Amino acid sequence: MAITREEVRHVALLFRLGLSEEDIARFQGQLSQIIDYFQILQQVDTEGIPPTSHTLPLENVMRDDEARPSYPAEDILANAPLPEGGFFRVRAVLE
């Protein structure tokens, strides 16, 4: 399915893009290819395949389900320029 130059101009207008004639010609071909790929994908039989939000199972790699002790506060604050009372002291950023 070929996208027309007018359709490219309409999309550019929706996105508030200023396109040159060369840009319009280039995007016309690229958008037409994208639509062709979608038409090929519509032919794939997906009957019986459950919908998913991700192609791979997600895991949180930053947190285990087991609680464990954190680093000692002294080690964390060792490189802080202005530690104060077990906390990081920073300059105020709000008035």
C-alpha atoms as a PDB file:
ATOM      1  CA  MET A   1       0.000   0.000   0.000  1.00  0.00           C
ATOM      2  CA  ALA A   2       1.560   3.252  -1.107  1.00  0.00           C
ATOM      3  CA  ILE A   3       1.309   6.343   1.065  1.00  0.00           C
ATOM      4  CA  THR A   4       0.580   9.513  -0.879  1.00  0.00           C
ATOM      5  CA  ARG A   5       2.505  12.755  -0.596  1.00  0.00           C
ATOM      6  CA  GLU A   6      -0.627  14.387   0.812  1.00  0.00           C
ATOM      7  CA  GLU A   7      -0.777  11.784   3.594  1.00  0.00           C
ATOM      8  CA  VAL A   8       2.873  12.447   4.449  1.00  0.00           C
ATOM      9  CA  ARG A   9       2.140  16.182   4.563  1.00  0.00           C
ATOM     10  CA  HIS A  10      -0.883  15.523   6.799  1.00  0.00           C
ATOM     11  CA  VAL A  11       1.194  13.438   9.241  1.00  0.00           C
ATOM     12  CA  ALA A  12       3.883  16.121   9.238  1.00  0.00           C
ATOM     13  CA  LEU A  13       1.236  18.736  10.006  1.00  0.00           C
ATOM     14  CA  LEU A  14      -0.081  16.662  12.921  1.00  0.00           C
ATOM     15  CA  PHE A  15       3.435  16.451  14.347  1.00  0.00           C
ATOM     16  CA  ARG A  16       4.167  20.078  13.520  1.00  0.00           C
ATOM     17  CA  LEU A  17       7.109  19.122  11.314  1.00  0.00           C
ATOM     18  CA  GLY A  18       8.422  21.272   8.522  1.00  0.00           C
ATOM     19  CA  LEU A  19       9.454  18.938   5.714  1.00  0.00           C
ATOM     20  CA  SER A  20      11.226  19.707   2.486  1.00  0.00           C
ATOM     21  CA  GLU A  21      10.153  18.051  -0.761  1.00  0.00           C
ATOM     22  CA  GLU A  22      13.104  15.650  -0.443  1.00  0.00           C
ATOM     23  CA  ASP A  23      11.988  14.710   3.083  1.00  0.00           C
ATOM     24  CA  ILE A  24       8.445  14.100   1.880  1.00  0.00           C
ATOM     25  CA  ALA A  25       9.682  11.815  -0.889  1.00  0.00           C
ATOM     26  CA  ARG A  26      11.941   9.877   1.509  1.00  0.00           C
ATOM     27  CA  PHE A  27       9.260   9.505   4.196  1.00  0.00           C
ATOM     28  CA  GLN A  28       6.685   8.515   1.604  1.00  0.00           C
ATOM     29  CA  GLY A  29       8.804   5.492   0.693  1.00  0.00           C
ATOM     30  CA  GLN A  30       9.664   4.638   4.301  1.00  0.00           C
ATOM     31  CA  LEU A  31       6.082   4.885   5.545  1.00  0.00           C
ATOM     32  CA  SER A  32       4.873   2.789   2.611  1.00  0.00           C
ATOM     33  CA  GLN A  33       7.377   0.066   3.551  1.00  0.00           C
ATOM     34  CA  ILE A  34       6.201   0.131   7.175  1.00  0.00           C
ATOM     35  CA  ILE A  35       2.565  -0.293   6.088  1.00  0.00           C
ATOM     36  CA  ASP A  36       3.622  -3.186   3.810  1.00  0.00           C
ATOM     37  CA  TYR A  37       5.336  -4.904   6.758  1.00  0.00           C
ATOM     38  CA  PHE A  38       2.182  -4.558   8.842  1.00  0.00           C
ATOM     39  CA  GLN A  39       0.155  -6.136   6.044  1.00  0.00           C
ATOM     40  CA  ILE A  40       2.565  -9.098   6.037  1.00  0.00           C
ATOM     41  CA  LEU A  41       2.210  -9.421   9.833  1.00  0.00           C
ATOM     42  CA  GLN A  42      -1.582  -9.433   9.557  1.00  0.00           C
ATOM     43  CA  GLN A  43      -1.331 -12.681   7.596  1.00  0.00           C
ATOM     44  CA  VAL A  44       0.308 -14.514  10.521  1.00  0.00           C
ATOM     45  CA  ASP A  45      -2.048 -16.961  12.230  1.00  0.00           C
ATOM     46  CA  THR A  46      -2.244 -15.949  15.904  1.00  0.00           C
ATOM     47  CA  GLU A  47      -5.278 -18.059  16.810  1.00  0.00           C
ATOM     48  CA  GLY A  48      -4.766 -19.712  20.193  1.00  0.00           C
ATOM     49  CA  ILE A  49      -1.824 -17.529  21.161  1.00  0.00           C
ATOM     50  CA  PRO A  50      -2.519 -15.570  24.369  1.00  0.00           C
ATOM     51  CA  PRO A  51      -1.866 -11.831  24.306  1.00  0.00           C
ATOM     52  CA  THR A  52       1.296 -10.705  26.058  1.00  0.00           C
ATOM     53  CA  SER A  53       2.763  -7.355  26.969  1.00  0.00           C
ATOM     54  CA  HIS A  54       6.355  -8.563  26.560  1.00  0.00           C
ATOM     55  CA  THR A  55       7.963 -11.223  24.418  1.00  0.00           C
ATOM     56  CA  LEU A  56      10.181 -12.452  27.246  1.00  0.00           C
ATOM     57  CA  PRO A  57       9.301 -13.132  30.873  1.00  0.00           C
ATOM     58  CA  LEU A  58      10.284 -10.197  33.055  1.00  0.00           C
ATOM     59  CA  GLU A  59      12.347 -10.516  36.185  1.00  0.00           C
ATOM     60  CA  ASN A  60      13.583  -7.878  38.563  1.00  0.00           C
ATOM     61  CA  VAL A  61      17.314  -8.448  38.626  1.00  0.00           C
ATOM     62  CA  MET A  62      17.900  -5.854  41.338  1.00  0.00           C
ATOM     63  CA  ARG A  63      15.914  -7.460  44.144  1.00  0.00           C
ATOM     64  CA  ASP A  64      15.816 -10.947  45.565  1.00  0.00           C
ATOM     65  CA  ASP A  65      12.847 -12.170  47.515  1.00  0.00           C
ATOM     66  CA  GLU A  66      15.128 -12.709  50.504  1.00  0.00           C
ATOM     67  CA  ALA A  67      15.949  -9.864  52.854  1.00  0.00           C
ATOM     68  CA  ARG A  68      19.635  -9.301  53.496  1.00  0.00           C
ATOM     69  CA  PRO A  69      21.602  -6.726  55.457  1.00  0.00           C
ATOM     70  CA  SER A  70      22.593  -3.552  53.671  1.00  0.00           C
ATOM     71  CA  TYR A  71      26.059  -2.011  53.566  1.00  0.00           C
ATOM     72  CA  PRO A  72      27.243  -0.302  56.744  1.00  0.00           C
ATOM     73  CA  ALA A  73      26.503   3.430  56.775  1.00  0.00           C
ATOM     74  CA  GLU A  74      30.161   4.173  57.526  1.00  0.00           C
ATOM     75  CA  ASP A  75      31.214   2.468  54.266  1.00  0.00           C
ATOM     76  CA  ILE A  76      28.601   4.329  52.248  1.00  0.00           C
ATOM     77  CA  LEU A  77      29.517   7.718  53.736  1.00  0.00           C
ATOM     78  CA  ALA A  78      33.283   7.124  53.523  1.00  0.00           C
ATOM     79  CA  ASN A  79      33.637   9.067  50.257  1.00  0.00           C
ATOM     80  CA  ALA A  80      31.005  11.705  50.974  1.00  0.00           C
ATOM     81  CA  PRO A  81      32.450  15.239  50.983  1.00  0.00           C
ATOM     82  CA  LEU A  82      30.269  16.421  53.898  1.00  0.00           C
ATOM     83  CA  PRO A  83      28.795  13.567  55.943  1.00  0.00           C
ATOM     84  CA  GLU A  84      26.788  14.759  58.906  1.00  0.00           C
ATOM     85  CA  GLY A  85      25.048  12.654  61.528  1.00  0.00           C
ATOM     86  CA  GLY A  86      24.951   9.518  59.383  1.00  0.00           C
ATOM     87  CA  PHE A  87      23.542  11.377  56.360  1.00  0.00           C
ATOM     88  CA  PHE A  88      24.822  13.059  53.216  1.00  0.00           C
ATOM     89  CA  ARG A  89      24.933  16.815  53.618  1.00  0.00           C
ATOM     90  CA  VAL A  90      24.158  18.683  50.394  1.00  0.00           C
ATOM     91  CA  ARG A  91      23.661  22.288  49.483  1.00  0.00           C
ATOM     92  CA  ALA A  92      20.083  23.486  49.513  1.00  0.00           C
ATOM     93  CA  VAL A  93      18.534  23.528  46.055  1.00  0.00           C
ATOM     94  CA  LEU A  94      15.184  25.065  47.001  1.00  0.00           C
ATOM     95  CA  GLU A  95      14.605  28.423  48.576  1.00  0.00           C
END
